[in-house]
């Protein structure tokens, strides 16, 4: 049976790429003296696998990493030891045996924050409500497999739920989006909003993964 880590990635760690993050964990296990399973072959290396890689620049508090913990170390002692060997911004929150298959991870809860330092236009909220309330919202998505270099995808069926909260200088969109097969990156929603309402484009947008959910909307671990 595999083991899993639940970890957060915030602050400057948001800008660590997926491949660099994998190497960071491999080195951290070694520095922390935590024995884990290695791949087989002529050049074995520590086996770690991160479910649903996070886009560079996004923060998260619900990332999941799979690995194989060898005898001699308890699950309870891993988080503190491993966090101490990690760079600033990566916090290992829990370590536990994997009980559920990753294919059961159906949705991701994202917080997308539109920032308007000079003041939020009043039209933002109704505009976003109109966009997400459409029956269909077809956008182009980059695809290396397509001869055209892109595919068209309808975002609406991939959005389980959404909720808006507005302040004087921000518009926060709380989204529950399809996680895989296919998954929906909230960047596509930001892009669609700015294309549909260019006069309402924010100064900048932040993206945060808050929770991983199963098909019933319950927390996935």
N, C-alpha and C. Protein backbone atom coordinates (compact mmCIF):
# COMPACT_ATOMS: atom_id res chain seq x y z
N UNK A 1 0.84 -1.20 0.00
CA UNK A 1 0.00 0.00 0.00
C UNK A 1 0.88 1.25 0.00
N UNK A 2 0.52 2.21 -0.81
CA UNK A 2 1.27 3.47 -0.88
C UNK A 2 0.96 4.34 0.33
N UNK A 3 1.81 5.33 0.52
CA UNK A 3 1.59 6.32 1.56
C UNK A 3 1.40 7.68 0.92
N UNK A 4 0.79 8.60 1.65
CA UNK A 4 0.54 9.93 1.11
C UNK A 4 0.93 11.01 2.09
N UNK A 5 1.31 12.15 1.49
CA UNK A 5 1.52 13.38 2.25
C UNK A 5 0.46 14.38 1.83
N UNK A 6 -0.03 15.14 2.78
CA UNK A 6 -0.84 16.31 2.51
C UNK A 6 0.04 17.51 2.83
N UNK A 7 0.27 18.39 1.85
CA UNK A 7 1.16 19.52 2.12
C UNK A 7 0.63 20.81 1.52
N UNK A 8 1.11 21.92 2.07
CA UNK A 8 0.75 23.25 1.60
C UNK A 8 1.94 23.85 0.85
N UNK A 9 1.62 24.66 -0.15
CA UNK A 9 2.65 25.33 -0.95
C UNK A 9 2.24 26.80 -1.05
N UNK A 10 2.95 27.67 -0.33
CA UNK A 10 2.55 29.08 -0.26
C UNK A 10 3.79 29.97 -0.35
N UNK A 11 3.56 31.29 -0.31
CA UNK A 11 4.67 32.23 -0.33
C UNK A 11 5.54 32.08 -1.56
N UNK A 12 6.85 32.20 -1.37
CA UNK A 12 7.78 32.11 -2.49
C UNK A 12 7.80 30.71 -3.11
N UNK A 13 7.38 29.71 -2.35
CA UNK A 13 7.36 28.33 -2.86
C UNK A 13 6.37 28.18 -4.02
N UNK A 14 5.46 29.14 -4.17
CA UNK A 14 4.50 29.08 -5.29
C UNK A 14 5.20 29.03 -6.63
N UNK A 15 6.41 29.56 -6.68
CA UNK A 15 7.12 29.68 -7.96
C UNK A 15 8.08 28.52 -8.22
N UNK A 16 8.03 27.49 -7.37
CA UNK A 16 8.81 26.28 -7.63
C UNK A 16 8.02 25.43 -8.65
N UNK A 17 8.67 25.06 -9.74
CA UNK A 17 7.99 24.28 -10.78
C UNK A 17 7.72 22.86 -10.28
N UNK A 18 6.87 22.14 -11.02
CA UNK A 18 6.51 20.79 -10.63
C UNK A 18 7.73 19.87 -10.55
N UNK A 19 8.57 19.89 -11.57
CA UNK A 19 9.75 19.02 -11.58
C UNK A 19 10.72 19.37 -10.46
N UNK A 20 10.92 20.66 -10.23
CA UNK A 20 11.80 21.09 -9.14
C UNK A 20 11.22 20.70 -7.79
N UNK A 21 9.90 20.73 -7.69
CA UNK A 21 9.25 20.35 -6.43
C UNK A 21 9.47 18.86 -6.16
N UNK A 22 9.39 18.04 -7.20
CA UNK A 22 9.65 16.61 -7.04
C UNK A 22 11.07 16.38 -6.53
N UNK A 23 12.04 17.08 -7.14
CA UNK A 23 13.44 16.94 -6.70
C UNK A 23 13.61 17.45 -5.27
N UNK A 24 12.90 18.53 -4.94
CA UNK A 24 12.98 19.08 -3.59
C UNK A 24 12.53 18.06 -2.56
N UNK A 25 11.43 17.36 -2.84
CA UNK A 25 10.95 16.35 -1.90
C UNK A 25 11.92 15.17 -1.81
N UNK A 26 12.47 14.75 -2.94
CA UNK A 26 13.42 13.65 -2.91
C UNK A 26 14.62 13.98 -2.02
N UNK A 27 15.14 15.19 -2.18
CA UNK A 27 16.29 15.61 -1.36
C UNK A 27 15.89 15.77 0.11
N UNK A 28 14.67 16.26 0.34
CA UNK A 28 14.22 16.49 1.72
C UNK A 28 14.07 15.17 2.48
N UNK A 29 13.56 14.14 1.83
CA UNK A 29 13.45 12.83 2.48
C UNK A 29 14.83 12.36 2.92
N UNK A 30 15.83 12.55 2.03
CA UNK A 30 17.20 12.12 2.35
C UNK A 30 17.77 12.94 3.52
N UNK A 31 17.60 14.27 3.47
CA UNK A 31 18.13 15.12 4.53
C UNK A 31 17.47 14.83 5.88
N UNK A 32 16.18 14.49 5.83
CA UNK A 32 15.45 14.22 7.07
C UNK A 32 15.72 12.81 7.59
N UNK A 33 16.44 12.00 6.81
CA UNK A 33 16.73 10.63 7.24
C UNK A 33 15.50 9.75 7.26
N UNK A 34 14.55 10.01 6.34
CA UNK A 34 13.32 9.22 6.26
C UNK A 34 13.47 8.24 5.09
N UNK A 35 13.59 6.94 5.35
CA UNK A 35 13.78 5.96 4.28
C UNK A 35 12.50 5.71 3.48
N UNK A 36 12.59 5.84 2.16
CA UNK A 36 11.43 5.60 1.30
C UNK A 36 11.82 4.67 0.16
N UNK A 37 10.84 4.14 -0.51
CA UNK A 37 11.07 3.21 -1.61
C UNK A 37 11.71 3.93 -2.80
N UNK A 38 12.52 3.20 -3.54
CA UNK A 38 13.18 3.72 -4.73
C UNK A 38 12.69 2.98 -5.97
N UNK A 39 12.86 3.62 -7.12
CA UNK A 39 12.53 2.95 -8.37
C UNK A 39 13.53 1.83 -8.62
N UNK A 40 13.16 0.90 -9.50
CA UNK A 40 14.05 -0.21 -9.84
C UNK A 40 14.85 0.15 -11.09
N UNK A 41 15.88 -0.63 -11.37
CA UNK A 41 16.68 -0.39 -12.57
C UNK A 41 18.12 -0.07 -12.23
N UNK A 42 18.88 0.36 -13.26
CA UNK A 42 20.31 0.64 -13.08
C UNK A 42 20.56 1.92 -12.29
N UNK A 43 19.62 2.86 -12.38
CA UNK A 43 19.80 4.14 -11.69
C UNK A 43 18.58 4.42 -10.81
N UNK A 44 18.44 3.68 -9.73
CA UNK A 44 17.27 3.88 -8.85
C UNK A 44 17.28 5.26 -8.20
N UNK A 45 16.10 5.84 -8.05
CA UNK A 45 15.98 7.11 -7.37
C UNK A 45 14.72 7.09 -6.51
N UNK A 46 14.65 7.94 -5.52
CA UNK A 46 13.48 7.94 -4.62
C UNK A 46 12.19 8.14 -5.41
N UNK A 47 11.19 7.30 -5.13
CA UNK A 47 9.93 7.41 -5.86
C UNK A 47 8.98 8.35 -5.12
N UNK A 48 8.63 9.43 -5.78
CA UNK A 48 7.59 10.34 -5.29
C UNK A 48 6.73 10.74 -6.48
N UNK A 49 5.45 10.91 -6.24
CA UNK A 49 4.53 11.29 -7.30
C UNK A 49 3.50 12.27 -6.74
N UNK A 50 3.39 13.42 -7.37
CA UNK A 50 2.45 14.45 -6.91
C UNK A 50 1.18 14.39 -7.77
N UNK A 51 0.06 14.24 -7.11
CA UNK A 51 -1.22 14.18 -7.82
C UNK A 51 -1.62 15.56 -8.31
N UNK A 52 -2.09 15.64 -9.55
CA UNK A 52 -2.62 16.87 -10.13
C UNK A 52 -1.68 18.06 -9.91
N UNK A 53 -0.54 18.09 -10.61
CA UNK A 53 0.45 19.16 -10.44
C UNK A 53 -0.17 20.55 -10.47
N UNK A 54 0.34 21.41 -9.61
CA UNK A 54 -0.16 22.78 -9.46
C UNK A 54 0.57 23.71 -10.43
N UNK A 55 -0.15 24.62 -11.04
CA UNK A 55 0.47 25.59 -11.94
C UNK A 55 1.43 26.50 -11.18
N UNK A 56 2.51 26.89 -11.82
CA UNK A 56 3.47 27.79 -11.19
C UNK A 56 2.79 29.11 -10.86
N UNK A 57 3.00 29.60 -9.65
CA UNK A 57 2.39 30.85 -9.21
C UNK A 57 1.13 30.66 -8.39
N UNK A 58 0.57 29.44 -8.41
CA UNK A 58 -0.62 29.15 -7.61
C UNK A 58 -0.18 28.71 -6.21
N UNK A 59 -0.96 29.07 -5.20
CA UNK A 59 -0.74 28.57 -3.85
C UNK A 59 -1.75 27.47 -3.56
N UNK A 60 -1.47 26.68 -2.53
CA UNK A 60 -2.37 25.57 -2.21
C UNK A 60 -2.17 25.14 -0.77
N UNK A 61 -3.22 24.59 -0.19
CA UNK A 61 -3.11 23.98 1.14
C UNK A 61 -3.57 22.53 1.12
N UNK A 62 -3.70 21.95 -0.08
CA UNK A 62 -4.25 20.58 -0.16
C UNK A 62 -3.53 19.72 -1.19
N UNK A 63 -2.22 19.93 -1.37
CA UNK A 63 -1.49 19.11 -2.34
C UNK A 63 -1.25 17.71 -1.77
N UNK A 64 -1.28 16.73 -2.67
CA UNK A 64 -1.14 15.33 -2.26
C UNK A 64 0.05 14.71 -2.98
N UNK A 65 0.94 14.08 -2.21
CA UNK A 65 2.11 13.40 -2.76
C UNK A 65 2.07 11.94 -2.33
N UNK A 66 2.33 11.04 -3.29
CA UNK A 66 2.39 9.61 -2.99
C UNK A 66 3.84 9.15 -2.94
N UNK A 67 4.13 8.25 -2.02
CA UNK A 67 5.47 7.69 -1.88
C UNK A 67 5.34 6.38 -1.11
N UNK A 68 6.45 5.73 -0.86
CA UNK A 68 6.42 4.49 -0.10
C UNK A 68 7.31 4.61 1.13
N UNK A 69 6.73 4.63 2.30
CA UNK A 69 7.47 4.77 3.55
C UNK A 69 7.96 3.39 3.99
N UNK A 70 9.28 3.26 4.22
CA UNK A 70 9.85 2.00 4.66
C UNK A 70 9.75 1.87 6.18
N UNK A 71 9.92 0.66 6.66
CA UNK A 71 9.81 0.41 8.10
C UNK A 71 10.87 1.18 8.88
N UNK A 72 10.51 1.54 10.08
CA UNK A 72 11.45 2.25 10.93
C UNK A 72 11.05 3.69 11.22
N UNK A 73 10.08 4.19 10.45
CA UNK A 73 9.59 5.56 10.65
C UNK A 73 8.07 5.53 10.70
N UNK A 74 7.48 6.19 11.69
CA UNK A 74 6.02 6.22 11.80
C UNK A 74 5.45 7.36 10.98
N UNK A 75 4.19 7.22 10.58
CA UNK A 75 3.52 8.28 9.83
C UNK A 75 3.47 9.57 10.64
N UNK A 76 3.30 9.44 11.95
CA UNK A 76 3.11 10.61 12.81
C UNK A 76 4.34 11.51 12.87
N UNK A 77 5.53 10.93 12.75
CA UNK A 77 6.74 11.73 12.89
C UNK A 77 7.20 12.35 11.58
N UNK A 78 6.63 11.92 10.45
CA UNK A 78 7.09 12.41 9.15
C UNK A 78 6.85 13.91 8.94
N UNK A 79 5.65 14.46 9.20
CA UNK A 79 5.41 15.87 8.88
C UNK A 79 6.42 16.84 9.45
N UNK A 80 6.72 16.74 10.74
CA UNK A 80 7.65 17.69 11.37
C UNK A 80 9.06 17.51 10.83
N UNK A 81 9.50 16.27 10.70
CA UNK A 81 10.87 16.01 10.23
C UNK A 81 11.04 16.48 8.79
N UNK A 82 10.05 16.21 7.96
CA UNK A 82 10.17 16.57 6.55
C UNK A 82 10.05 18.07 6.34
N UNK A 83 9.13 18.72 7.06
CA UNK A 83 8.97 20.18 6.95
C UNK A 83 10.26 20.90 7.31
N UNK A 84 10.96 20.38 8.32
CA UNK A 84 12.22 21.00 8.75
C UNK A 84 13.28 20.96 7.66
N UNK A 85 13.14 20.02 6.71
CA UNK A 85 14.12 19.87 5.63
C UNK A 85 13.66 20.54 4.34
N UNK A 86 12.50 21.19 4.37
CA UNK A 86 11.93 21.80 3.17
C UNK A 86 12.21 23.30 3.12
N UNK A 87 12.18 23.90 1.92
CA UNK A 87 12.34 25.35 1.83
C UNK A 87 11.12 26.07 2.40
N UNK A 88 11.30 27.36 2.68
CA UNK A 88 10.20 28.17 3.21
C UNK A 88 9.00 28.14 2.28
N UNK A 89 7.83 27.96 2.85
CA UNK A 89 6.60 27.97 2.05
C UNK A 89 6.02 26.59 1.80
N UNK A 90 6.76 25.54 2.13
CA UNK A 90 6.24 24.18 1.98
C UNK A 90 6.08 23.58 3.37
N UNK A 91 4.84 23.26 3.72
CA UNK A 91 4.50 22.74 5.04
C UNK A 91 3.81 21.39 4.87
N UNK A 92 4.40 20.35 5.41
CA UNK A 92 3.79 19.02 5.37
C UNK A 92 2.78 18.93 6.51
N UNK A 93 1.52 18.78 6.15
CA UNK A 93 0.45 18.83 7.14
C UNK A 93 0.09 17.47 7.72
N UNK A 94 0.25 16.40 6.92
CA UNK A 94 -0.12 15.07 7.41
C UNK A 94 0.57 14.01 6.57
N UNK A 95 0.72 12.82 7.17
CA UNK A 95 1.26 11.65 6.48
C UNK A 95 0.39 10.46 6.88
N UNK A 96 -0.06 9.68 5.92
CA UNK A 96 -1.02 8.62 6.22
C UNK A 96 -1.01 7.56 5.11
N UNK A 97 -1.51 6.35 5.39
CA UNK A 97 -1.60 5.32 4.35
C UNK A 97 -2.68 5.70 3.34
N UNK A 98 -2.42 5.45 2.07
CA UNK A 98 -3.40 5.75 1.03
C UNK A 98 -4.52 4.71 1.07
N UNK A 99 -5.74 5.16 1.27
CA UNK A 99 -6.88 4.25 1.36
C UNK A 99 -7.76 4.30 0.11
N UNK A 100 -7.73 5.41 -0.59
CA UNK A 100 -8.61 5.60 -1.75
C UNK A 100 -7.78 5.79 -3.01
N UNK A 101 -8.35 5.41 -4.14
CA UNK A 101 -7.67 5.57 -5.41
C UNK A 101 -7.72 7.03 -5.85
N UNK A 102 -6.64 7.49 -6.49
CA UNK A 102 -6.59 8.89 -6.92
C UNK A 102 -7.67 9.23 -7.93
N UNK A 103 -8.17 8.24 -8.65
CA UNK A 103 -9.22 8.53 -9.63
C UNK A 103 -10.52 8.97 -8.95
N UNK A 104 -10.62 8.76 -7.63
CA UNK A 104 -11.79 9.22 -6.88
C UNK A 104 -11.70 10.71 -6.56
N UNK A 105 -10.55 11.32 -6.80
CA UNK A 105 -10.40 12.77 -6.60
C UNK A 105 -11.07 13.45 -7.80
N UNK A 106 -12.28 13.97 -7.57
CA UNK A 106 -13.11 14.44 -8.68
C UNK A 106 -13.12 15.95 -8.85
N UNK A 107 -12.98 16.70 -7.75
CA UNK A 107 -13.10 18.16 -7.82
C UNK A 107 -12.02 18.84 -6.99
N UNK A 108 -11.74 20.09 -7.36
CA UNK A 108 -10.82 20.93 -6.60
C UNK A 108 -11.52 22.25 -6.29
N UNK A 109 -11.41 22.68 -5.05
CA UNK A 109 -11.97 23.96 -4.63
C UNK A 109 -10.89 25.03 -4.76
N UNK A 110 -11.13 26.01 -5.64
CA UNK A 110 -10.19 27.11 -5.87
C UNK A 110 -10.78 28.42 -5.36
N UNK A 111 -9.90 29.28 -4.86
CA UNK A 111 -10.26 30.65 -4.55
C UNK A 111 -9.51 31.53 -5.55
N UNK A 112 -10.26 32.22 -6.40
CA UNK A 112 -9.67 33.10 -7.41
C UNK A 112 -9.98 34.54 -7.01
N UNK A 113 -8.94 35.32 -6.78
CA UNK A 113 -9.10 36.68 -6.26
C UNK A 113 -8.71 37.72 -7.30
N UNK A 114 -9.67 38.53 -7.73
CA UNK A 114 -9.42 39.62 -8.67
C UNK A 114 -9.14 40.89 -7.86
N UNK A 115 -7.98 41.47 -8.07
CA UNK A 115 -7.58 42.65 -7.30
C UNK A 115 -7.64 43.92 -8.14
N UNK A 116 -8.27 44.95 -7.57
CA UNK A 116 -8.39 46.27 -8.20
C UNK A 116 -7.92 47.32 -7.19
N UNK A 117 -6.62 47.57 -7.11
CA UNK A 117 -6.09 48.51 -6.09
C UNK A 117 -6.71 49.90 -6.16
N UNK A 118 -7.15 50.31 -7.33
CA UNK A 118 -7.74 51.65 -7.48
C UNK A 118 -9.25 51.65 -7.22
N UNK A 119 -9.78 50.49 -6.86
CA UNK A 119 -11.22 50.40 -6.61
C UNK A 119 -11.89 49.46 -7.60
N UNK A 120 -12.74 48.58 -7.10
CA UNK A 120 -13.41 47.60 -7.96
C UNK A 120 -14.58 48.25 -8.70
N UNK A 121 -14.62 48.11 -10.05
CA UNK A 121 -15.77 48.60 -10.81
C UNK A 121 -17.05 47.88 -10.36
N UNK A 122 -18.11 48.61 -10.19
CA UNK A 122 -19.37 48.02 -9.72
C UNK A 122 -19.92 46.97 -10.67
N UNK A 123 -19.55 47.06 -11.94
CA UNK A 123 -20.08 46.13 -12.94
C UNK A 123 -19.45 44.75 -12.88
N UNK A 124 -18.38 44.59 -12.08
CA UNK A 124 -17.66 43.31 -12.03
C UNK A 124 -18.55 42.15 -11.60
N UNK A 125 -19.27 42.35 -10.50
CA UNK A 125 -20.07 41.26 -9.95
C UNK A 125 -21.14 40.78 -10.92
N UNK A 126 -22.00 41.67 -11.47
CA UNK A 126 -22.99 41.18 -12.42
C UNK A 126 -22.37 40.59 -13.69
N UNK A 127 -21.20 41.10 -14.09
CA UNK A 127 -20.55 40.56 -15.28
C UNK A 127 -20.09 39.13 -15.04
N UNK A 128 -19.47 38.86 -13.88
CA UNK A 128 -19.04 37.50 -13.57
C UNK A 128 -20.23 36.58 -13.40
N UNK A 129 -21.30 37.08 -12.77
CA UNK A 129 -22.50 36.27 -12.63
C UNK A 129 -23.07 35.88 -13.99
N UNK A 130 -23.05 36.83 -14.93
CA UNK A 130 -23.56 36.55 -16.27
C UNK A 130 -22.68 35.53 -16.99
N UNK A 131 -21.36 35.66 -16.82
CA UNK A 131 -20.43 34.75 -17.49
C UNK A 131 -20.61 33.32 -16.98
N UNK A 132 -20.60 33.16 -15.65
CA UNK A 132 -20.71 31.82 -15.09
C UNK A 132 -22.13 31.26 -15.16
N UNK A 133 -23.10 32.14 -15.41
CA UNK A 133 -24.48 31.70 -15.52
C UNK A 133 -24.89 31.29 -16.93
N UNK A 134 -23.96 31.38 -17.87
CA UNK A 134 -24.27 30.99 -19.25
C UNK A 134 -24.55 29.49 -19.34
N UNK A 135 -25.31 29.10 -20.35
CA UNK A 135 -25.57 27.69 -20.59
C UNK A 135 -24.34 27.02 -21.19
N UNK A 136 -23.51 27.81 -21.89
CA UNK A 136 -22.30 27.28 -22.51
C UNK A 136 -21.25 28.38 -22.55
N UNK A 137 -20.00 28.01 -22.35
CA UNK A 137 -18.89 28.95 -22.41
C UNK A 137 -17.70 28.23 -23.04
N UNK A 138 -17.64 28.28 -24.36
CA UNK A 138 -16.62 27.55 -25.11
C UNK A 138 -15.38 28.44 -25.29
N UNK A 139 -14.23 27.90 -24.92
CA UNK A 139 -12.97 28.63 -25.06
C UNK A 139 -11.94 27.73 -25.74
N UNK A 140 -10.88 28.36 -26.22
CA UNK A 140 -9.78 27.59 -26.80
C UNK A 140 -8.74 27.28 -25.73
N UNK A 141 -8.27 26.04 -25.75
CA UNK A 141 -7.29 25.58 -24.78
C UNK A 141 -6.10 25.00 -25.52
N UNK A 142 -4.88 25.40 -25.12
CA UNK A 142 -3.69 24.90 -25.79
C UNK A 142 -3.63 23.38 -25.71
N UNK A 143 -3.21 22.76 -26.83
CA UNK A 143 -3.10 21.30 -26.88
C UNK A 143 -1.97 20.91 -27.81
N UNK A 144 -1.00 20.18 -27.26
CA UNK A 144 0.11 19.71 -28.08
C UNK A 144 -0.30 18.55 -28.97
N UNK A 145 -1.44 17.91 -28.65
CA UNK A 145 -1.90 16.76 -29.43
C UNK A 145 -2.70 17.17 -30.66
N UNK A 146 -3.18 18.40 -30.68
CA UNK A 146 -3.99 18.87 -31.81
C UNK A 146 -3.11 19.50 -32.88
N UNK A 147 -3.42 19.22 -34.15
CA UNK A 147 -2.67 19.81 -35.25
C UNK A 147 -2.80 21.33 -35.26
N UNK A 148 -3.93 21.82 -34.74
CA UNK A 148 -4.16 23.27 -34.70
C UNK A 148 -3.43 23.93 -33.53
N UNK A 149 -2.96 23.12 -32.60
CA UNK A 149 -2.28 23.67 -31.44
C UNK A 149 -3.22 24.03 -30.31
N UNK A 150 -4.52 23.77 -30.50
CA UNK A 150 -5.50 24.05 -29.45
C UNK A 150 -6.72 23.16 -29.64
N UNK A 151 -7.50 23.03 -28.60
CA UNK A 151 -8.81 22.37 -28.67
C UNK A 151 -9.84 23.33 -28.09
N UNK A 152 -11.09 23.08 -28.39
CA UNK A 152 -12.17 23.89 -27.82
C UNK A 152 -12.84 23.11 -26.70
N UNK A 153 -13.09 23.79 -25.59
CA UNK A 153 -13.69 23.14 -24.44
C UNK A 153 -14.79 24.03 -23.86
N UNK A 154 -15.89 23.42 -23.47
CA UNK A 154 -16.99 24.15 -22.82
C UNK A 154 -16.74 24.11 -21.32
N UNK A 155 -16.54 25.27 -20.71
CA UNK A 155 -16.19 25.34 -19.29
C UNK A 155 -17.37 25.03 -18.36
N UNK A 156 -18.57 25.36 -18.77
CA UNK A 156 -19.72 25.29 -17.86
C UNK A 156 -19.94 23.89 -17.27
N UNK A 157 -19.88 22.80 -18.07
CA UNK A 157 -20.08 21.47 -17.47
C UNK A 157 -18.98 21.07 -16.48
N UNK A 158 -17.85 21.78 -16.50
CA UNK A 158 -16.73 21.44 -15.63
C UNK A 158 -16.75 22.24 -14.33
N UNK A 159 -17.77 23.10 -14.17
CA UNK A 159 -17.92 23.91 -12.96
C UNK A 159 -19.04 23.32 -12.12
N UNK A 160 -18.70 22.75 -10.97
CA UNK A 160 -19.72 22.15 -10.10
C UNK A 160 -20.50 23.23 -9.36
N UNK A 161 -19.79 24.25 -8.86
CA UNK A 161 -20.46 25.33 -8.14
C UNK A 161 -19.56 26.56 -8.12
N UNK A 162 -20.17 27.71 -7.84
CA UNK A 162 -19.40 28.95 -7.71
C UNK A 162 -20.14 29.92 -6.80
N UNK A 163 -19.37 30.82 -6.20
CA UNK A 163 -19.94 31.82 -5.29
C UNK A 163 -19.06 33.06 -5.33
N UNK A 164 -19.68 34.23 -5.34
CA UNK A 164 -18.95 35.49 -5.39
C UNK A 164 -19.01 36.22 -4.06
N UNK A 165 -17.90 36.90 -3.76
CA UNK A 165 -17.87 37.79 -2.60
C UNK A 165 -17.05 39.01 -2.99
N UNK A 166 -17.64 40.19 -2.90
CA UNK A 166 -16.98 41.41 -3.36
C UNK A 166 -16.69 42.37 -2.21
N UNK A 167 -15.52 43.01 -2.29
CA UNK A 167 -15.13 44.08 -1.38
C UNK A 167 -14.85 45.32 -2.22
N UNK A 168 -14.43 46.40 -1.57
CA UNK A 168 -14.21 47.66 -2.29
C UNK A 168 -13.14 47.55 -3.36
N UNK A 169 -12.13 46.67 -3.15
CA UNK A 169 -11.05 46.58 -4.13
C UNK A 169 -10.78 45.16 -4.60
N UNK A 170 -11.67 44.22 -4.30
CA UNK A 170 -11.48 42.83 -4.73
C UNK A 170 -12.79 42.17 -5.13
N UNK A 171 -12.68 41.16 -5.98
CA UNK A 171 -13.80 40.26 -6.27
C UNK A 171 -13.25 38.84 -6.11
N UNK A 172 -13.80 38.11 -5.16
CA UNK A 172 -13.35 36.76 -4.88
C UNK A 172 -14.35 35.76 -5.43
N UNK A 173 -13.84 34.80 -6.20
CA UNK A 173 -14.69 33.77 -6.79
C UNK A 173 -14.31 32.43 -6.16
N UNK A 174 -15.26 31.84 -5.45
CA UNK A 174 -15.08 30.54 -4.80
C UNK A 174 -15.63 29.49 -5.76
N UNK A 175 -14.74 28.64 -6.30
CA UNK A 175 -15.10 27.71 -7.36
C UNK A 175 -14.85 26.27 -6.96
N UNK A 176 -15.73 25.37 -7.38
CA UNK A 176 -15.48 23.94 -7.30
C UNK A 176 -15.45 23.43 -8.73
N UNK A 177 -14.26 22.99 -9.17
CA UNK A 177 -14.03 22.67 -10.58
C UNK A 177 -13.64 21.21 -10.76
N UNK A 178 -13.93 20.68 -11.92
CA UNK A 178 -13.52 19.32 -12.26
C UNK A 178 -12.01 19.19 -12.13
N UNK A 179 -11.56 18.10 -11.48
CA UNK A 179 -10.14 17.93 -11.19
C UNK A 179 -9.39 17.19 -12.30
N UNK A 180 -10.07 16.25 -12.97
CA UNK A 180 -9.37 15.44 -13.97
C UNK A 180 -10.36 14.77 -14.91
N UNK A 181 -9.84 14.49 -16.09
CA UNK A 181 -10.57 13.76 -17.15
C UNK A 181 -11.91 14.36 -17.57
N UNK A 182 -11.95 15.63 -17.97
CA UNK A 182 -10.83 16.58 -17.97
C UNK A 182 -10.87 17.47 -16.72
N UNK A 183 -9.72 18.06 -16.43
CA UNK A 183 -9.66 19.02 -15.34
C UNK A 183 -9.80 20.43 -15.89
N UNK A 184 -10.22 21.36 -15.04
CA UNK A 184 -10.40 22.75 -15.45
C UNK A 184 -9.49 23.66 -14.64
N UNK A 185 -8.57 24.33 -15.33
CA UNK A 185 -7.70 25.30 -14.69
C UNK A 185 -8.46 26.63 -14.59
N UNK A 186 -8.58 27.22 -13.40
CA UNK A 186 -9.33 28.47 -13.26
C UNK A 186 -8.77 29.62 -14.09
N UNK A 187 -7.55 29.50 -14.56
CA UNK A 187 -6.98 30.51 -15.45
C UNK A 187 -7.84 30.68 -16.70
N UNK A 188 -8.49 29.62 -17.16
CA UNK A 188 -9.35 29.72 -18.34
C UNK A 188 -10.58 30.58 -18.04
N UNK A 189 -11.06 30.55 -16.80
CA UNK A 189 -12.19 31.39 -16.42
C UNK A 189 -11.75 32.85 -16.37
N UNK A 190 -10.58 33.10 -15.79
CA UNK A 190 -10.04 34.46 -15.77
C UNK A 190 -9.89 35.00 -17.18
N UNK A 191 -9.32 34.19 -18.06
CA UNK A 191 -9.09 34.61 -19.44
C UNK A 191 -10.41 34.90 -20.15
N UNK A 192 -11.41 34.05 -19.94
CA UNK A 192 -12.71 34.25 -20.58
C UNK A 192 -13.38 35.53 -20.08
N UNK A 193 -13.23 35.81 -18.77
CA UNK A 193 -13.81 37.03 -18.21
C UNK A 193 -13.16 38.27 -18.82
N UNK A 194 -11.84 38.27 -18.90
CA UNK A 194 -11.12 39.43 -19.43
C UNK A 194 -11.38 39.62 -20.92
N UNK A 195 -11.60 38.53 -21.63
CA UNK A 195 -11.91 38.65 -23.05
C UNK A 195 -13.32 39.17 -23.27
N UNK A 196 -14.25 38.72 -22.42
CA UNK A 196 -15.64 39.15 -22.56
C UNK A 196 -15.85 40.57 -22.05
N UNK A 197 -15.10 40.96 -21.01
CA UNK A 197 -15.27 42.27 -20.39
C UNK A 197 -13.90 42.93 -20.20
N UNK A 198 -13.26 43.33 -21.29
CA UNK A 198 -11.90 43.90 -21.17
C UNK A 198 -11.82 45.13 -20.29
N UNK A 199 -12.90 45.91 -20.22
CA UNK A 199 -12.89 47.11 -19.38
C UNK A 199 -12.91 46.79 -17.89
N UNK A 200 -13.22 45.53 -17.56
CA UNK A 200 -13.31 45.11 -16.16
C UNK A 200 -12.13 44.24 -15.74
N UNK A 201 -11.12 44.12 -16.60
CA UNK A 201 -9.97 43.29 -16.29
C UNK A 201 -9.27 43.80 -15.04
N UNK A 202 -8.93 42.91 -14.10
CA UNK A 202 -8.28 43.32 -12.85
C UNK A 202 -6.81 43.65 -13.06
N UNK A 203 -6.21 44.32 -12.09
CA UNK A 203 -4.78 44.60 -12.14
C UNK A 203 -3.98 43.31 -12.03
N UNK A 204 -4.43 42.42 -11.16
CA UNK A 204 -3.80 41.09 -11.09
C UNK A 204 -4.77 40.11 -10.43
N UNK A 205 -4.48 38.82 -10.61
CA UNK A 205 -5.35 37.76 -10.09
C UNK A 205 -4.48 36.74 -9.36
N UNK A 206 -4.96 36.26 -8.22
CA UNK A 206 -4.27 35.19 -7.51
C UNK A 206 -5.17 33.95 -7.49
N UNK A 207 -4.51 32.78 -7.47
CA UNK A 207 -5.23 31.51 -7.48
C UNK A 207 -4.76 30.67 -6.29
N UNK A 208 -5.72 30.09 -5.57
CA UNK A 208 -5.39 29.29 -4.39
C UNK A 208 -6.26 28.03 -4.36
N UNK A 209 -5.61 26.87 -4.26
CA UNK A 209 -6.34 25.62 -4.08
C UNK A 209 -6.62 25.44 -2.59
N UNK A 210 -7.89 25.31 -2.26
CA UNK A 210 -8.25 25.21 -0.85
C UNK A 210 -8.55 23.78 -0.40
N UNK A 211 -9.13 22.96 -1.31
CA UNK A 211 -9.48 21.61 -0.88
C UNK A 211 -9.63 20.68 -2.08
N UNK A 212 -9.32 19.41 -1.85
CA UNK A 212 -9.55 18.35 -2.83
C UNK A 212 -10.80 17.59 -2.41
N UNK A 213 -11.67 17.28 -3.37
CA UNK A 213 -12.98 16.70 -3.07
C UNK A 213 -13.25 15.46 -3.91
N UNK A 214 -14.10 14.58 -3.39
CA UNK A 214 -14.50 13.41 -4.17
C UNK A 214 -15.77 13.73 -4.97
N UNK A 215 -16.33 12.73 -5.62
CA UNK A 215 -17.48 12.95 -6.48
C UNK A 215 -18.72 13.42 -5.75
N UNK A 216 -18.79 13.18 -4.44
CA UNK A 216 -19.93 13.63 -3.64
C UNK A 216 -19.69 15.00 -3.00
N UNK A 217 -18.52 15.57 -3.26
CA UNK A 217 -18.20 16.87 -2.69
C UNK A 217 -17.61 16.78 -1.31
N UNK A 218 -17.22 15.58 -0.87
CA UNK A 218 -16.58 15.40 0.44
C UNK A 218 -15.08 15.50 0.30
N UNK A 219 -14.39 15.82 1.39
CA UNK A 219 -12.94 15.97 1.37
C UNK A 219 -12.28 14.65 0.97
N UNK A 220 -11.34 14.77 0.02
CA UNK A 220 -10.60 13.58 -0.44
C UNK A 220 -9.22 13.56 0.20
N UNK A 221 -8.84 12.42 0.72
CA UNK A 221 -7.49 12.22 1.22
C UNK A 221 -6.90 10.90 0.68
